[in-house]
């Protein structure tokens, strides 16, 4: 059997190498259980058979002491590379994610044996307790999780620009290890949490300024929410409001995935969210802006900030809210020295589809 070729990429649990003509091989990292790669191969085949857009998965193999599976080679660049190279606007990236997500969520997972979101999230929260995650955070996460609608749609579980490939034959999803049966809100909340809670500019791309990162996250999140709402036949503000409890659960689960710095940042974020809830003020807010006859809405996190301009003023009879930090400095608690600019997020609103 041939050996591993050129390394093409890697994730948290596996690495991808060239492997013959028209194929690649994904092998588990030495410190990770081989059962992880077996599960990913199985779940990728399963979601593909159910109708999801995935590369074709081949046989399981052992090579050079590594365990993995062969997969169709899909030559492309992920949207995140195009985004960082300035070849794709953040809004375009957000729309692509929304269109792919909405299409995937039209695939029913009820006839598959893919795990459910609640089956996944419960043990994850238990694991966080064993690792010393603050009790109030876990209690809030469990309370909200128990109230959420399970759903039976196919959800990716790790929806982000790195797990999308743009090919000559269309778009494909990769990285299916977190796939599950659940509510479409899982994927929407995952995107929102990744770009509004987990990531700051230094983690997203070294050298990217805070201002540039805010432009990326603002454009991507607004376009993603706006486009998905239009495709789903609802209002963006309704979708954003529905996302709030899901974002709290997904942010709690994200504590298990990050580096120590990221974990500390997310815990600080969630602690602030609980404190705000006790005071009767949300950490996730709908930010309105209206001019003339149009109006817009987006989901934004405060993380220690507050809302001002409560007169709900706007020309044309609309409302406007601004996210501003305490004292006007827009600094976020929990990460010293990171200043985030004042950000009124705008979004056009779509009328729900009429059947």
Protein backbone atom coordinates (compact mmCIF):
# COMPACT_ATOMS: atom_id res chain seq x y z
CA UNK A 1 0.00 0.00 0.00
CA UNK A 2 1.22 3.49 -0.80
CA UNK A 3 2.28 5.86 1.96
CA UNK A 4 0.98 9.19 3.10
CA UNK A 5 1.49 11.99 0.61
CA UNK A 6 1.66 15.73 1.12
CA UNK A 7 -0.12 17.04 4.18
CA UNK A 8 -3.10 19.14 3.14
CA UNK A 9 -4.56 20.23 6.45
CA UNK A 10 -5.47 19.31 9.99
CA UNK A 11 -8.11 19.79 12.64
CA UNK A 12 -8.42 19.09 16.33
CA UNK A 13 -8.50 15.31 15.99
CA UNK A 14 -7.15 14.38 12.54
CA UNK A 15 -4.87 15.28 9.63
CA UNK A 16 -5.54 15.07 5.90
CA UNK A 17 -2.93 13.85 3.38
CA UNK A 18 -2.76 13.24 -0.35
CA UNK A 19 -3.43 9.58 -1.11
CA UNK A 20 -3.34 8.49 -4.70
CA UNK A 21 -5.20 9.84 -7.69
CA UNK A 22 -8.37 11.71 -6.86
CA UNK A 23 -8.44 10.76 -3.17
CA UNK A 24 -7.13 11.91 0.20
CA UNK A 25 -6.82 10.11 3.49
CA UNK A 26 -7.91 11.47 6.85
CA UNK A 27 -5.91 9.92 9.70
CA UNK A 28 -6.40 10.32 13.42
CA UNK A 29 -3.74 12.15 15.39
CA UNK A 30 -1.48 9.91 17.52
CA UNK A 31 -2.94 11.17 20.80
CA UNK A 32 -6.57 10.63 19.74
CA UNK A 33 -8.58 7.40 19.96
CA UNK A 34 -8.96 5.56 16.65
CA UNK A 35 -12.67 5.19 17.38
CA UNK A 36 -13.09 8.90 16.62
CA UNK A 37 -12.11 8.40 12.98
CA UNK A 38 -14.31 5.29 12.71
CA UNK A 39 -17.26 7.34 13.92
CA UNK A 40 -16.56 10.21 11.53
CA UNK A 41 -16.36 7.85 8.56
CA UNK A 42 -19.66 6.22 9.58
CA UNK A 43 -21.50 9.48 10.22
CA UNK A 44 -20.26 11.04 6.97
CA UNK A 45 -21.56 8.04 5.01
CA UNK A 46 -24.83 8.21 6.94
CA UNK A 47 -25.53 11.89 6.30
CA UNK A 48 -24.52 11.47 2.65
CA UNK A 49 -27.01 8.64 2.21
CA UNK A 50 -29.65 10.84 3.86
CA UNK A 51 -29.07 13.53 1.24
CA UNK A 52 -26.42 15.87 2.66
CA UNK A 53 -23.71 17.33 0.41
CA UNK A 54 -20.46 15.58 1.36
CA UNK A 55 -17.34 14.18 -0.29
CA UNK A 56 -17.60 10.43 -0.99
CA UNK A 57 -16.13 8.30 1.81
CA UNK A 58 -14.13 5.17 1.01
CA UNK A 59 -12.63 2.38 3.08
CA UNK A 60 -11.06 2.45 6.52
CA UNK A 61 -7.30 1.81 6.39
CA UNK A 62 -4.23 1.60 8.62
CA UNK A 63 -1.10 3.18 7.18
CA UNK A 64 2.28 4.04 8.70
CA UNK A 65 0.88 3.30 12.13
CA UNK A 66 -2.06 5.68 11.61
CA UNK A 67 -5.75 4.83 11.36
CA UNK A 68 -8.00 6.66 8.94
CA UNK A 69 -10.40 6.60 6.03
CA UNK A 70 -10.04 7.33 2.34
CA UNK A 71 -12.16 10.12 0.93
CA UNK A 72 -12.85 11.73 -2.42
CA UNK A 73 -10.43 14.58 -3.09
CA UNK A 74 -12.27 17.87 -3.54
CA UNK A 75 -9.95 20.57 -4.83
CA UNK A 76 -11.16 23.91 -3.60
CA UNK A 77 -10.59 26.69 -1.14
CA UNK A 78 -12.74 27.13 1.95
CA UNK A 79 -14.61 30.45 2.16
CA UNK A 80 -12.54 31.49 5.16
CA UNK A 81 -9.39 31.56 2.98
CA UNK A 82 -11.15 33.69 0.38
CA UNK A 83 -12.49 35.90 3.14
CA UNK A 84 -9.07 36.55 4.66
CA UNK A 85 -7.52 37.10 1.22
CA UNK A 86 -10.08 39.79 0.46
CA UNK A 87 -11.52 37.73 -2.41
CA UNK A 88 -14.91 37.29 -0.73
CA UNK A 89 -16.98 39.79 1.22
CA UNK A 90 -18.09 38.78 4.75
CA UNK A 91 -21.70 39.20 3.63
CA UNK A 92 -21.19 36.70 0.79
CA UNK A 93 -19.69 34.22 3.24
CA UNK A 94 -22.65 34.65 5.57
CA UNK A 95 -25.11 34.08 2.74
CA UNK A 96 -23.29 30.91 1.61
CA UNK A 97 -23.44 29.47 5.13
CA UNK A 98 -27.14 30.32 5.39
CA UNK A 99 -28.03 28.77 2.04
CA UNK A 100 -26.09 25.59 2.78
CA UNK A 101 -27.50 25.37 6.30
CA UNK A 102 -31.09 25.83 5.18
CA UNK A 103 -30.66 23.17 2.49
CA UNK A 104 -29.15 20.74 4.98
CA UNK A 105 -31.91 21.36 7.51
CA UNK A 106 -34.44 20.25 4.91
CA UNK A 107 -32.92 16.76 5.17
CA UNK A 108 -34.72 14.68 7.78
CA UNK A 109 -32.54 12.69 10.14
CA UNK A 110 -35.45 10.85 11.75
CA UNK A 111 -34.73 7.61 9.87
CA UNK A 112 -31.01 7.60 10.79
CA UNK A 113 -29.25 6.44 13.93
CA UNK A 114 -27.25 9.67 14.22
CA UNK A 115 -27.19 10.86 17.82
CA UNK A 116 -29.55 13.62 18.92
CA UNK A 117 -28.41 17.04 20.08
CA UNK A 118 -29.68 16.38 23.60
CA UNK A 119 -27.78 13.07 23.69
CA UNK A 120 -24.67 14.98 22.70
CA UNK A 121 -25.09 18.05 24.92
CA UNK A 122 -26.00 16.28 28.17
CA UNK A 123 -22.75 14.27 28.48
CA UNK A 124 -20.76 17.31 27.34
CA UNK A 125 -22.16 19.33 30.25
CA UNK A 126 -21.43 16.42 32.62
CA UNK A 127 -17.85 16.38 31.39
CA UNK A 128 -17.50 20.09 32.04
CA UNK A 129 -18.65 19.55 35.62
CA UNK A 130 -15.89 16.96 36.13
CA UNK A 131 -13.37 19.48 34.77
CA UNK A 132 -14.42 22.13 37.29
CA UNK A 133 -16.61 24.39 35.17
CA UNK A 134 -18.50 26.79 37.51
CA UNK A 135 -21.70 25.22 38.80
CA UNK A 136 -24.03 28.17 38.07
CA UNK A 137 -23.03 28.07 34.40
CA UNK A 138 -23.78 24.37 34.12
CA UNK A 139 -27.05 24.72 36.00
CA UNK A 140 -28.20 27.44 33.63
CA UNK A 141 -27.08 25.41 30.62
CA UNK A 142 -28.95 22.31 31.80
CA UNK A 143 -32.06 24.33 32.64
CA UNK A 144 -32.21 25.89 29.19
CA UNK A 145 -31.32 22.63 27.42
CA UNK A 146 -34.27 20.86 29.03
CA UNK A 147 -36.64 23.49 27.62
CA UNK A 148 -35.41 23.41 24.01
CA UNK A 149 -37.27 21.68 21.19
CA UNK A 150 -35.27 18.64 20.11
CA UNK A 151 -36.14 18.64 16.39
CA UNK A 152 -35.31 15.91 13.86
CA UNK A 153 -33.47 17.82 11.13
CA UNK A 154 -29.96 16.92 10.02
CA UNK A 155 -27.61 19.42 11.63
CA UNK A 156 -23.89 19.74 11.01
CA UNK A 157 -22.92 20.64 14.56
CA UNK A 158 -19.78 22.58 13.63
CA UNK A 159 -21.06 25.03 11.07
CA UNK A 160 -18.33 27.51 10.16
CA UNK A 161 -16.50 28.74 7.01
CA UNK A 162 -13.65 26.24 7.52
CA UNK A 163 -16.02 23.31 7.01
CA UNK A 164 -17.32 24.40 3.61
CA UNK A 165 -15.57 23.69 0.31
CA UNK A 166 -16.32 25.59 -2.89
CA UNK A 167 -15.77 23.29 -5.86
CA UNK A 168 -16.40 23.36 -9.59
CA UNK A 169 -19.34 21.02 -8.95
CA UNK A 170 -20.84 23.11 -6.18
CA UNK A 171 -20.51 23.46 -2.42
CA UNK A 172 -19.66 20.60 -0.07
CA UNK A 173 -19.64 20.21 3.71
CA UNK A 174 -16.72 18.55 5.47
CA UNK A 175 -15.96 17.90 9.15
CA UNK A 176 -19.05 15.83 9.99
CA UNK A 177 -17.85 14.41 13.28
CA UNK A 178 -20.30 16.62 15.20
CA UNK A 179 -23.31 15.83 12.99
CA UNK A 180 -26.52 15.04 14.81
CA UNK A 181 -30.29 14.96 14.68
CA UNK A 182 -31.74 18.12 16.13
CA UNK A 183 -33.14 21.60 15.76
CA UNK A 184 -31.74 23.84 12.98
CA UNK A 185 -31.05 26.40 15.71
CA UNK A 186 -28.02 24.29 16.69
CA UNK A 187 -26.16 25.29 13.52
CA UNK A 188 -27.32 28.91 13.57
CA UNK A 189 -26.30 29.29 17.20
CA UNK A 190 -22.96 27.62 16.51
CA UNK A 191 -22.12 30.24 13.89
CA UNK A 192 -23.31 33.09 16.08
CA UNK A 193 -21.37 31.87 19.12
CA UNK A 194 -18.20 31.26 17.12
CA UNK A 195 -18.13 34.79 15.78
CA UNK A 196 -19.64 36.73 18.68
CA UNK A 197 -18.35 34.87 21.74
CA UNK A 198 -15.50 32.42 21.10
CA UNK A 199 -13.38 34.34 18.63
CA UNK A 200 -11.52 37.58 18.90
CA UNK A 201 -9.32 38.92 16.14
CA UNK A 202 -6.06 37.39 17.43
CA UNK A 203 -7.57 33.90 17.47
CA UNK A 204 -9.34 34.24 14.14
CA UNK A 205 -6.31 35.37 12.18
CA UNK A 206 -2.98 36.73 13.50
CA UNK A 207 -2.45 40.31 12.42
CA UNK A 208 -6.13 41.03 11.79
CA UNK A 209 -7.02 44.29 13.53
CA UNK A 210 -9.93 44.45 15.93
CA UNK A 211 -11.73 46.89 13.63
CA UNK A 212 -11.27 44.62 10.62
CA UNK A 213 -12.52 41.63 12.59
CA UNK A 214 -15.61 43.54 13.65
CA UNK A 215 -16.30 44.27 9.99
CA UNK A 216 -15.99 40.55 9.25
CA UNK A 217 -18.22 39.39 12.08
CA UNK A 218 -20.81 42.12 11.55
CA UNK A 219 -21.15 41.42 7.84
CA UNK A 220 -21.06 37.64 8.16
CA UNK A 221 -23.52 37.32 11.04
CA UNK A 222 -25.99 39.89 9.72
CA UNK A 223 -26.06 38.36 6.22
CA UNK A 224 -26.29 34.84 7.65
CA UNK A 225 -29.27 35.63 9.85
CA UNK A 226 -30.98 37.75 7.22
CA UNK A 227 -30.59 35.17 4.45
CA UNK A 228 -31.64 32.19 6.58
CA UNK A 229 -34.73 34.06 7.75
CA UNK A 230 -35.71 34.83 4.16
CA UNK A 231 -35.25 31.20 3.10
CA UNK A 232 -37.17 29.93 6.13
CA UNK A 233 -40.02 32.37 5.57
CA UNK A 234 -39.72 34.30 8.82
CA UNK A 235 -38.60 37.70 10.09
CA UNK A 236 -34.93 38.12 11.09
CA UNK A 237 -35.94 39.61 14.44
CA UNK A 238 -38.07 36.53 15.21
CA UNK A 239 -35.20 34.22 14.29
CA UNK A 240 -32.76 36.26 16.36
CA UNK A 241 -35.01 36.14 19.42
CA UNK A 242 -35.40 32.37 19.06
CA UNK A 243 -31.61 32.02 18.95
CA UNK A 244 -30.99 33.52 22.39
CA UNK A 245 -31.40 30.37 24.55
CA UNK A 246 -29.59 28.23 21.98
CA UNK A 247 -26.63 30.60 22.05
CA UNK A 248 -26.36 30.25 25.82
CA UNK A 249 -26.24 26.45 25.57
CA UNK A 250 -23.81 26.48 22.64
CA UNK A 251 -21.52 28.97 24.40
CA UNK A 252 -21.49 26.72 27.47
CA UNK A 253 -20.57 23.69 25.35
CA UNK A 254 -17.81 25.72 23.66
CA UNK A 255 -15.94 25.84 26.97
CA UNK A 256 -14.93 22.20 26.34
CA UNK A 257 -13.32 22.98 23.00
CA UNK A 258 -11.11 26.00 23.45
CA UNK A 259 -7.62 26.74 24.64
CA UNK A 260 -7.24 27.80 28.29
CA UNK A 261 -7.39 31.45 27.22
CA UNK A 262 -10.55 30.86 25.20
CA UNK A 263 -12.11 28.86 28.03
CA UNK A 264 -11.48 31.68 30.49
CA UNK A 265 -12.94 34.18 28.03
CA UNK A 266 -16.12 32.12 27.46
CA UNK A 267 -16.62 31.48 31.19
CA UNK A 268 -16.30 35.22 31.82
CA UNK A 269 -18.84 35.84 29.09
CA UNK A 270 -21.34 33.35 30.51
CA UNK A 271 -20.91 34.62 34.07
CA UNK A 272 -21.73 38.09 32.83
CA UNK A 273 -24.74 36.74 30.98
CA UNK A 274 -26.12 35.12 34.15
CA UNK A 275 -25.46 38.28 36.15
CA UNK A 276 -27.32 40.32 33.53
CA UNK A 277 -30.23 37.87 33.61
CA UNK A 278 -30.47 38.20 37.39
CA UNK A 279 -30.58 41.98 36.97
CA UNK A 280 -33.27 41.61 34.34
CA UNK A 281 -31.08 42.69 31.43
CA UNK A 282 -30.04 40.39 28.56
CA UNK A 283 -26.52 39.73 27.40
CA UNK A 284 -27.87 38.98 23.95
CA UNK A 285 -29.89 41.88 22.57
CA UNK A 286 -31.68 42.73 19.40
CA UNK A 287 -30.15 45.87 17.97
CA UNK A 288 -32.56 47.90 15.90
CA UNK A 289 -31.79 50.55 13.37
CA UNK A 290 -34.23 52.14 11.02
CA UNK A 291 -34.05 54.89 8.45
CA UNK A 292 -36.88 56.04 6.27
CA UNK A 293 -39.15 53.09 5.48
CA UNK A 294 -36.64 50.29 6.08
CA UNK A 295 -35.76 48.58 9.29
CA UNK A 296 -33.17 46.13 10.47
CA UNK A 297 -32.30 43.80 13.30
CA UNK A 298 -29.36 41.67 14.38
CA UNK A 299 -28.21 39.66 17.35
CA UNK A 300 -25.40 41.19 19.36
CA UNK A 301 -23.75 40.29 22.66
CA UNK A 302 -22.96 42.87 25.30
CA UNK A 303 -20.53 40.94 27.48
CA UNK A 304 -20.48 43.54 30.20
CA UNK A 305 -21.71 46.46 28.15
CA UNK A 306 -25.07 48.16 28.34
CA UNK A 307 -27.56 49.68 25.96
CA UNK A 308 -28.00 53.40 25.75
CA UNK A 309 -30.01 55.73 23.62
CA UNK A 310 -33.14 54.26 25.09
CA UNK A 311 -35.35 56.90 23.52
CA UNK A 312 -35.69 54.55 20.55
CA UNK A 313 -35.11 57.39 18.17
CA UNK A 314 -34.92 57.09 14.44
CA UNK A 315 -36.05 59.10 11.50
CA UNK A 316 -39.02 57.60 9.76
CA UNK A 317 -40.67 56.37 12.94
CA UNK A 318 -38.42 53.39 13.55
CA UNK A 319 -36.26 52.46 16.51
CA UNK A 320 -32.56 52.50 17.06
CA UNK A 321 -30.42 50.90 19.72
CA UNK A 322 -26.69 51.17 20.23
CA UNK A 323 -24.38 48.73 21.96
CA UNK A 324 -21.99 50.74 24.07
CA UNK A 325 -19.58 49.75 26.79
CA UNK A 326 -19.68 51.12 30.30
CA UNK A 327 -18.39 54.66 30.32
CA UNK A 328 -18.51 54.79 26.53
CA UNK A 329 -15.21 52.95 26.16
CA UNK A 330 -16.70 49.81 24.71
CA UNK A 331 -14.30 47.57 26.62
CA UNK A 332 -15.38 44.04 27.41
CA UNK A 333 -14.98 42.57 30.86
CA UNK A 334 -12.92 39.41 31.13
CA UNK A 335 -10.16 40.24 28.67
CA UNK A 336 -8.01 43.19 29.63
CA UNK A 337 -6.69 45.40 26.88
CA UNK A 338 -9.14 44.36 24.16
CA UNK A 339 -11.23 47.34 23.10
CA UNK A 340 -14.21 46.68 20.85
CA UNK A 341 -15.61 49.54 18.77
CA UNK A 342 -19.12 50.92 19.13
CA UNK A 343 -21.30 48.92 16.81
CA UNK A 344 -24.82 49.63 15.63
CA UNK A 345 -25.49 46.50 13.55
CA UNK A 346 -27.84 46.98 10.65
CA UNK A 347 -29.81 44.50 8.63
CA UNK A 348 -32.59 44.67 6.09
CA UNK A 349 -35.69 42.79 7.09
CA UNK A 350 -37.40 40.32 4.76
CA UNK A 351 -41.13 39.78 4.64
CA UNK A 352 -42.02 36.16 5.44
CA UNK A 353 -42.83 34.02 2.43
CA UNK A 354 -46.52 33.58 1.75
CA UNK A 355 -47.64 30.16 0.55
